[in-house]
Amino acid sequence: MGVIAWLVLGAFSGWIANRLMNSRTGLIDNIITGIIGSFIGGFVFNFFGAETITGLNLHSIFVSVVGACILLWIINKIRR
């Protein structure tokens, strides 16, 4: 995937994860959360034998959102 696709996927999945986890952050934080979440989600899905991120599609957004939610959950546990 290209850099622009990573930014779009990261921003969208980070925004969805923030809404699901009741976090309120800005655009840059959403992009970073989504991109890191993509790596975490890809690792988790690969561990369980499922398909990982394949491009800019619904499955990749789902994987990225799951990873971003895991990341936000870990961050919230560390902050408390």
N, C-alpha and C. Protein backbone atom coordinates (compact mmCIF):
# COMPACT_ATOMS: atom_id res chain seq x y z
N MET A 1 0.83 -1.18 0.00
CA MET A 1 0.00 0.00 0.00
C MET A 1 0.87 1.24 0.00
N GLY A 2 0.38 2.29 -0.59
CA GLY A 2 1.11 3.53 -0.63
C GLY A 2 0.95 4.32 0.66
N VAL A 3 1.72 5.36 0.77
CA VAL A 3 1.71 6.19 1.97
C VAL A 3 0.35 6.85 2.17
N ILE A 4 -0.25 7.32 1.10
CA ILE A 4 -1.56 7.97 1.21
C ILE A 4 -2.61 6.96 1.69
N ALA A 5 -2.56 5.75 1.18
CA ALA A 5 -3.51 4.72 1.60
C ALA A 5 -3.33 4.40 3.07
N TRP A 6 -2.07 4.33 3.55
CA TRP A 6 -1.82 4.08 4.97
C TRP A 6 -2.39 5.20 5.82
N LEU A 7 -2.23 6.45 5.37
CA LEU A 7 -2.76 7.59 6.13
C LEU A 7 -4.29 7.58 6.17
N VAL A 8 -4.91 7.27 5.03
CA VAL A 8 -6.37 7.22 4.99
C VAL A 8 -6.89 6.07 5.85
N LEU A 9 -6.30 4.89 5.71
CA LEU A 9 -6.70 3.74 6.51
C LEU A 9 -6.47 4.02 7.99
N GLY A 10 -5.35 4.61 8.33
CA GLY A 10 -5.04 4.93 9.71
C GLY A 10 -5.99 5.94 10.31
N ALA A 11 -6.29 6.99 9.56
CA ALA A 11 -7.21 8.02 10.06
C ALA A 11 -8.61 7.46 10.27
N PHE A 12 -9.09 6.71 9.31
CA PHE A 12 -10.45 6.18 9.41
C PHE A 12 -10.57 5.13 10.51
N SER A 13 -9.64 4.20 10.55
CA SER A 13 -9.73 3.16 11.58
C SER A 13 -9.42 3.71 12.97
N GLY A 14 -8.52 4.68 13.06
CA GLY A 14 -8.26 5.32 14.35
C GLY A 14 -9.47 6.08 14.85
N TRP A 15 -10.18 6.74 13.95
CA TRP A 15 -11.39 7.46 14.33
C TRP A 15 -12.47 6.50 14.82
N ILE A 16 -12.67 5.39 14.10
CA ILE A 16 -13.66 4.39 14.51
C ILE A 16 -13.29 3.81 15.88
N ALA A 17 -12.02 3.47 16.06
CA ALA A 17 -11.58 2.90 17.34
C ALA A 17 -11.77 3.90 18.48
N ASN A 18 -11.49 5.17 18.23
CA ASN A 18 -11.71 6.19 19.27
C ASN A 18 -13.17 6.27 19.65
N ARG A 19 -14.06 6.17 18.71
CA ARG A 19 -15.50 6.20 19.00
C ARG A 19 -15.93 4.95 19.77
N LEU A 20 -15.39 3.80 19.39
CA LEU A 20 -15.75 2.56 20.08
C LEU A 20 -15.22 2.51 21.51
N MET A 21 -14.04 3.06 21.73
CA MET A 21 -13.39 3.01 23.04
C MET A 21 -13.63 4.27 23.87
N ASN A 22 -14.50 5.16 23.40
CA ASN A 22 -14.82 6.42 24.10
C ASN A 22 -13.60 7.26 24.40
N SER A 23 -12.68 7.32 23.47
CA SER A 23 -11.52 8.21 23.57
C SER A 23 -11.77 9.39 22.65
N ARG A 24 -11.26 10.52 23.02
CA ARG A 24 -11.41 11.70 22.17
C ARG A 24 -10.03 12.28 21.91
N THR A 25 -9.55 12.07 20.69
CA THR A 25 -8.25 12.60 20.32
C THR A 25 -8.38 13.30 18.97
N GLY A 26 -7.30 13.89 18.50
CA GLY A 26 -7.29 14.64 17.26
C GLY A 26 -6.94 13.78 16.06
N LEU A 27 -6.84 14.44 14.93
CA LEU A 27 -6.59 13.76 13.66
C LEU A 27 -5.24 13.05 13.64
N ILE A 28 -4.20 13.72 14.09
CA ILE A 28 -2.86 13.11 14.08
C ILE A 28 -2.83 11.89 14.99
N ASP A 29 -3.45 11.99 16.16
CA ASP A 29 -3.52 10.84 17.07
C ASP A 29 -4.31 9.70 16.45
N ASN A 30 -5.39 10.01 15.73
CA ASN A 30 -6.17 8.97 15.05
C ASN A 30 -5.34 8.27 14.00
N ILE A 31 -4.56 9.03 13.23
CA ILE A 31 -3.73 8.42 12.19
C ILE A 31 -2.68 7.51 12.81
N ILE A 32 -2.01 8.00 13.85
CA ILE A 32 -0.98 7.19 14.50
C ILE A 32 -1.59 5.95 15.13
N THR A 33 -2.72 6.12 15.82
CA THR A 33 -3.41 4.98 16.44
C THR A 33 -3.83 3.96 15.39
N GLY A 34 -4.35 4.43 14.27
CA GLY A 34 -4.79 3.52 13.21
C GLY A 34 -3.64 2.78 12.55
N ILE A 35 -2.53 3.46 12.32
CA ILE A 35 -1.39 2.80 11.68
C ILE A 35 -0.76 1.77 12.61
N ILE A 36 -0.55 2.15 13.86
CA ILE A 36 -0.02 1.18 14.83
C ILE A 36 -1.02 0.05 15.04
N GLY A 37 -2.31 0.41 15.06
CA GLY A 37 -3.36 -0.60 15.18
C GLY A 37 -3.36 -1.58 14.01
N SER A 38 -3.00 -1.09 12.83
CA SER A 38 -2.91 -1.98 11.67
C SER A 38 -1.85 -3.06 11.89
N PHE A 39 -0.71 -2.65 12.43
CA PHE A 39 0.34 -3.63 12.71
C PHE A 39 -0.09 -4.61 13.80
N ILE A 40 -0.69 -4.10 14.86
CA ILE A 40 -1.15 -4.97 15.95
C ILE A 40 -2.23 -5.91 15.45
N GLY A 41 -3.21 -5.37 14.72
CA GLY A 41 -4.28 -6.20 14.18
C GLY A 41 -3.76 -7.24 13.20
N GLY A 42 -2.81 -6.85 12.36
CA GLY A 42 -2.22 -7.81 11.44
C GLY A 42 -1.50 -8.93 12.17
N PHE A 43 -0.79 -8.58 13.24
CA PHE A 43 -0.10 -9.60 14.03
C PHE A 43 -1.10 -10.55 14.68
N VAL A 44 -2.16 -10.00 15.28
CA VAL A 44 -3.15 -10.82 15.97
C VAL A 44 -3.88 -11.72 14.99
N PHE A 45 -4.32 -11.17 13.86
CA PHE A 45 -5.03 -11.98 12.88
C PHE A 45 -4.12 -13.04 12.27
N ASN A 46 -2.86 -12.70 12.04
CA ASN A 46 -1.91 -13.68 11.52
C ASN A 46 -1.67 -14.79 12.54
N PHE A 47 -1.63 -14.43 13.82
CA PHE A 47 -1.42 -15.43 14.88
C PHE A 47 -2.55 -16.46 14.87
N PHE A 48 -3.77 -16.01 14.63
CA PHE A 48 -4.92 -16.92 14.61
C PHE A 48 -5.16 -17.54 13.24
N GLY A 49 -4.32 -17.25 12.27
CA GLY A 49 -4.41 -17.87 10.96
C GLY A 49 -5.37 -17.19 10.00
N ALA A 50 -5.84 -16.02 10.35
CA ALA A 50 -6.77 -15.30 9.47
C ALA A 50 -5.98 -14.40 8.52
N GLU A 51 -6.67 -13.88 7.54
CA GLU A 51 -6.06 -12.99 6.55
C GLU A 51 -5.77 -11.63 7.19
N THR A 52 -4.63 -11.06 6.89
CA THR A 52 -4.25 -9.77 7.46
C THR A 52 -4.61 -8.66 6.49
N ILE A 53 -3.98 -7.51 6.62
CA ILE A 53 -4.29 -6.35 5.80
C ILE A 53 -3.85 -6.59 4.36
N THR A 54 -4.79 -6.39 3.44
CA THR A 54 -4.52 -6.68 2.03
C THR A 54 -4.60 -5.46 1.14
N GLY A 55 -5.01 -4.35 1.66
CA GLY A 55 -5.15 -3.13 0.86
C GLY A 55 -6.17 -2.23 1.52
N LEU A 56 -6.73 -1.34 0.77
CA LEU A 56 -7.73 -0.42 1.29
C LEU A 56 -9.11 -1.00 1.00
N ASN A 57 -9.56 -1.91 1.89
CA ASN A 57 -10.87 -2.55 1.75
C ASN A 57 -11.49 -2.75 3.14
N LEU A 58 -12.71 -3.28 3.19
CA LEU A 58 -13.42 -3.43 4.46
C LEU A 58 -12.71 -4.37 5.42
N HIS A 59 -12.16 -5.45 4.91
CA HIS A 59 -11.46 -6.39 5.78
C HIS A 59 -10.25 -5.73 6.44
N SER A 60 -9.51 -4.98 5.68
CA SER A 60 -8.33 -4.29 6.23
C SER A 60 -8.73 -3.25 7.26
N ILE A 61 -9.84 -2.55 7.02
CA ILE A 61 -10.33 -1.59 8.01
C ILE A 61 -10.72 -2.31 9.29
N PHE A 62 -11.39 -3.45 9.16
CA PHE A 62 -11.77 -4.23 10.33
C PHE A 62 -10.55 -4.68 11.13
N VAL A 63 -9.54 -5.19 10.44
CA VAL A 63 -8.30 -5.63 11.11
C VAL A 63 -7.65 -4.45 11.81
N SER A 64 -7.59 -3.32 11.15
CA SER A 64 -6.97 -2.14 11.72
C SER A 64 -7.75 -1.61 12.92
N VAL A 65 -9.07 -1.62 12.85
CA VAL A 65 -9.89 -1.16 13.98
C VAL A 65 -9.72 -2.07 15.18
N VAL A 66 -9.68 -3.38 14.95
CA VAL A 66 -9.45 -4.31 16.06
C VAL A 66 -8.10 -4.04 16.71
N GLY A 67 -7.08 -3.86 15.92
CA GLY A 67 -5.75 -3.57 16.45
C GLY A 67 -5.70 -2.23 17.18
N ALA A 68 -6.38 -1.22 16.63
CA ALA A 68 -6.41 0.09 17.28
C ALA A 68 -7.16 0.03 18.61
N CYS A 69 -8.24 -0.75 18.66
CA CYS A 69 -8.97 -0.93 19.93
C CYS A 69 -8.09 -1.62 20.97
N ILE A 70 -7.32 -2.60 20.54
CA ILE A 70 -6.38 -3.27 21.46
C ILE A 70 -5.35 -2.26 21.96
N LEU A 71 -4.82 -1.44 21.06
CA LEU A 71 -3.85 -0.42 21.44
C LEU A 71 -4.44 0.58 22.42
N LEU A 72 -5.64 1.08 22.16
CA LEU A 72 -6.28 2.04 23.07
C LEU A 72 -6.58 1.41 24.42
N TRP A 73 -6.97 0.14 24.42
CA TRP A 73 -7.22 -0.56 25.67
C TRP A 73 -5.94 -0.64 26.51
N ILE A 74 -4.83 -0.97 25.87
CA ILE A 74 -3.54 -1.05 26.57
C ILE A 74 -3.14 0.33 27.10
N ILE A 75 -3.30 1.37 26.29
CA ILE A 75 -2.95 2.72 26.71
C ILE A 75 -3.81 3.15 27.90
N ASN A 76 -5.10 2.85 27.86
CA ASN A 76 -5.97 3.22 28.99
C ASN A 76 -5.59 2.46 30.25
N LYS A 77 -5.18 1.22 30.15
CA LYS A 77 -4.74 0.44 31.32
C LYS A 77 -3.44 1.01 31.91
N ILE A 78 -2.55 1.46 31.05
CA ILE A 78 -1.29 2.02 31.52
C ILE A 78 -1.52 3.37 32.20
N ARG A 79 -2.42 4.19 31.65
CA ARG A 79 -2.69 5.50 32.24
C ARG A 79 -3.33 5.42 33.60
N ARG A 80 -4.08 4.37 33.86
CA ARG A 80 -4.74 4.22 35.16
C ARG A 80 -3.80 3.55 36.07
